[in-house]
Every structure is written in structure tokens, then in C-alpha cells.
Amino acid sequence: MSQYIVIKSAIIWLFRMIMTGYELRLWRKGMGWDQERAAEELGKCLRTYKAYEKSPSIDRVVELAIRSLTLASLLPALSEKNNAEICQVLISLTDS
């Protein structure tokens, strides 16, 4: 998968409104983290994090923290792009 597609997918995901526990699990696996690491990054105990992954919806504060962690992981990849490439990614997001 090209870096462009990964960046586009991550940005589209960042702007979704509701996150489920299943999507949280997919996010964690996409980050390459185990549950302990995800709980630590979110400042939650492991038991609470596991409950989040089983939940039909995630608290907005947790969802925003997840979006921040995702964006922080994307910044190095975006910094390698020139302005035209970044604009191209953003324009393609508005087309979908």
C-alpha cells in the first residue's frame, strides 16, 4: 500500500464522527500496538481499555485522544511531502 493511500485513509478516518469499540481495536492494530501500549498511550488502565474495545461507542474524549495520536504519527510522513502533494491529498478528501 502506498504511503499516499495510508495517509489519505488515516485523514478520512480522523474526520469520522462516531467510533465503535471494534474500530478502536482496528486502530490499535493499525498502530502496531498491543492493548497495554494503547492503554498507556491513552492514560487508561488496561481493564478500562479492554472495556472500550468491547463497547458499542467510545467516549468523545477518548476518540479525540485517539485522533491526536493518529495525527502525531502521520506528521513525519506529511512533512516529507511538498505543499502541492499535501494539497492534492486534501483535495482528494473533499472529492470522496
C-alpha atoms as a PDB file:
ATOM      1  CA  MET A   1       0.000   0.000   0.000  1.00  0.00           C
ATOM      2  CA  SER A   2       1.476   3.349  -0.970  1.00  0.00           C
ATOM      3  CA  GLN A   3       2.195   5.989   1.628  1.00  0.00           C
ATOM      4  CA  TYR A   4      -0.307   8.294  -0.110  1.00  0.00           C
ATOM      5  CA  ILE A   5      -3.156   5.802   0.349  1.00  0.00           C
ATOM      6  CA  VAL A   6      -2.235   5.223   4.003  1.00  0.00           C
ATOM      7  CA  ILE A   7      -2.184   8.976   4.662  1.00  0.00           C
ATOM      8  CA  LYS A   8      -5.490   9.510   2.831  1.00  0.00           C
ATOM      9  CA  SER A   9      -7.175   6.657   4.723  1.00  0.00           C
ATOM     10  CA  ALA A  10      -5.927   7.951   8.053  1.00  0.00           C
ATOM     11  CA  ILE A  11      -7.094  11.511   7.352  1.00  0.00           C
ATOM     12  CA  ILE A  12     -10.537  10.318   6.228  1.00  0.00           C
ATOM     13  CA  TRP A  13     -10.795   8.285   9.406  1.00  0.00           C
ATOM     14  CA  LEU A  14      -9.770  11.304  11.512  1.00  0.00           C
ATOM     15  CA  PHE A  15     -12.859  13.215  10.406  1.00  0.00           C
ATOM     16  CA  ARG A  16     -15.426  10.486  11.113  1.00  0.00           C
ATOM     17  CA  MET A  17     -17.831  11.289  13.908  1.00  0.00           C
ATOM     18  CA  ILE A  18     -18.571   8.107  15.899  1.00  0.00           C
ATOM     19  CA  MET A  19     -16.124   5.397  16.830  1.00  0.00           C
ATOM     20  CA  THR A  20     -17.036   1.898  17.987  1.00  0.00           C
ATOM     21  CA  GLY A  21     -15.002  -0.462  20.128  1.00  0.00           C
ATOM     22  CA  TYR A  22     -14.351  -2.602  17.070  1.00  0.00           C
ATOM     23  CA  GLU A  23     -12.924   0.402  15.218  1.00  0.00           C
ATOM     24  CA  LEU A  24     -10.780   1.171  18.256  1.00  0.00           C
ATOM     25  CA  ARG A  25      -9.369  -2.348  18.030  1.00  0.00           C
ATOM     26  CA  LEU A  26      -8.648  -1.892  14.318  1.00  0.00           C
ATOM     27  CA  TRP A  27      -6.970   1.447  15.052  1.00  0.00           C
ATOM     28  CA  ARG A  28      -4.778  -0.118  17.744  1.00  0.00           C
ATOM     29  CA  LYS A  29      -3.723  -2.946  15.452  1.00  0.00           C
ATOM     30  CA  GLY A  30      -3.030  -0.447  12.661  1.00  0.00           C
ATOM     31  CA  MET A  31      -0.722   1.418  15.010  1.00  0.00           C
ATOM     32  CA  GLY A  32       1.055  -1.882  15.718  1.00  0.00           C
ATOM     33  CA  TRP A  33       0.281  -1.686  19.443  1.00  0.00           C
ATOM     34  CA  ASP A  34      -0.911  -4.280  21.913  1.00  0.00           C
ATOM     35  CA  GLN A  35      -3.678  -3.415  24.375  1.00  0.00           C
ATOM     36  CA  GLU A  36      -1.185  -2.499  27.094  1.00  0.00           C
ATOM     37  CA  ARG A  37       0.568   0.042  24.869  1.00  0.00           C
ATOM     38  CA  ALA A  38      -2.729   1.583  23.725  1.00  0.00           C
ATOM     39  CA  ALA A  39      -3.943   1.861  27.315  1.00  0.00           C
ATOM     40  CA  GLU A  40      -0.669   3.508  28.319  1.00  0.00           C
ATOM     41  CA  GLU A  41      -0.760   5.989  25.420  1.00  0.00           C
ATOM     42  CA  LEU A  42      -4.344   6.944  26.331  1.00  0.00           C
ATOM     43  CA  GLY A  43      -3.550   7.202  30.042  1.00  0.00           C
ATOM     44  CA  LYS A  44      -6.039   4.473  30.963  1.00  0.00           C
ATOM     45  CA  CYS A  45      -5.678   1.247  32.916  1.00  0.00           C
ATOM     46  CA  LEU A  46      -5.659  -1.956  30.884  1.00  0.00           C
ATOM     47  CA  ARG A  47      -9.024  -3.075  32.254  1.00  0.00           C
ATOM     48  CA  THR A  48     -10.684   0.184  31.139  1.00  0.00           C
ATOM     49  CA  TYR A  49      -9.082  -0.018  27.713  1.00  0.00           C
ATOM     50  CA  LYS A  50     -10.314  -3.583  27.208  1.00  0.00           C
ATOM     51  CA  ALA A  51     -13.834  -2.412  28.085  1.00  0.00           C
ATOM     52  CA  TYR A  52     -13.534   0.310  25.426  1.00  0.00           C
ATOM     53  CA  GLU A  53     -12.776  -2.303  22.764  1.00  0.00           C
ATOM     54  CA  LYS A  54     -15.981  -4.157  23.682  1.00  0.00           C
ATOM     55  CA  SER A  55     -18.128  -1.013  23.745  1.00  0.00           C
ATOM     56  CA  PRO A  56     -20.652  -0.077  21.017  1.00  0.00           C
ATOM     57  CA  SER A  57     -19.367   3.509  21.169  1.00  0.00           C
ATOM     58  CA  ILE A  58     -16.302   5.260  22.550  1.00  0.00           C
ATOM     59  CA  ASP A  59     -16.325   8.362  24.769  1.00  0.00           C
ATOM     60  CA  ARG A  60     -15.692  11.532  22.769  1.00  0.00           C
ATOM     61  CA  VAL A  61     -12.669  12.471  24.895  1.00  0.00           C
ATOM     62  CA  VAL A  62     -11.033   9.105  24.189  1.00  0.00           C
ATOM     63  CA  GLU A  63     -11.885   9.423  20.499  1.00  0.00           C
ATOM     64  CA  LEU A  64     -10.239  12.854  20.359  1.00  0.00           C
ATOM     65  CA  ALA A  65      -7.143  11.481  22.093  1.00  0.00           C
ATOM     66  CA  ILE A  66      -7.005   8.693  19.519  1.00  0.00           C
ATOM     67  CA  ARG A  67      -7.260  11.217  16.703  1.00  0.00           C
ATOM     68  CA  SER A  68      -4.410  13.215  18.238  1.00  0.00           C
ATOM     69  CA  LEU A  69      -2.211  10.121  18.499  1.00  0.00           C
ATOM     70  CA  THR A  70      -3.008   9.227  14.886  1.00  0.00           C
ATOM     71  CA  LEU A  71      -2.233  12.714  13.644  1.00  0.00           C
ATOM     72  CA  ALA A  72       1.030  12.766  15.592  1.00  0.00           C
ATOM     73  CA  SER A  73       2.047   9.513  13.893  1.00  0.00           C
ATOM     74  CA  LEU A  74       1.188  10.966  10.450  1.00  0.00           C
ATOM     75  CA  LEU A  75       3.139  14.202  10.818  1.00  0.00           C
ATOM     76  CA  PRO A  76       6.529  12.723   9.901  1.00  0.00           C
ATOM     77  CA  ALA A  77       5.077  11.247   6.682  1.00  0.00           C
ATOM     78  CA  LEU A  78       3.345  14.511   5.786  1.00  0.00           C
ATOM     79  CA  SER A  79       6.473  16.549   6.468  1.00  0.00           C
ATOM     80  CA  GLU A  80       8.227  14.678   3.663  1.00  0.00           C
ATOM     81  CA  LYS A  81       5.600  15.914   1.178  1.00  0.00           C
ATOM     82  CA  ASN A  82       5.756  19.239  -0.598  1.00  0.00           C
ATOM     83  CA  ASN A  83       2.857  21.692  -0.434  1.00  0.00           C
ATOM     84  CA  ALA A  84       1.411  20.546  -3.759  1.00  0.00           C
ATOM     85  CA  GLU A  85       1.296  16.914  -2.639  1.00  0.00           C
ATOM     86  CA  ILE A  86      -0.344  17.824   0.674  1.00  0.00           C
ATOM     87  CA  CYS A  87      -2.930  19.940  -1.171  1.00  0.00           C
ATOM     88  CA  GLN A  88      -3.575  17.044  -3.545  1.00  0.00           C
ATOM     89  CA  VAL A  89      -4.322  14.771  -0.581  1.00  0.00           C
ATOM     90  CA  LEU A  90      -6.680  17.342   0.931  1.00  0.00           C
ATOM     91  CA  ILE A  91      -8.474  17.969  -2.382  1.00  0.00           C
ATOM     92  CA  SER A  92      -8.979  14.245  -2.903  1.00  0.00           C
ATOM     93  CA  LEU A  93     -10.582  14.061   0.537  1.00  0.00           C
ATOM     94  CA  THR A  94     -13.218  16.618  -0.421  1.00  0.00           C
ATOM     95  CA  ASP A  95     -13.994  14.687  -3.625  1.00  0.00           C
ATOM     96  CA  SER A  96     -14.884  11.456  -1.832  1.00  0.00           C
END
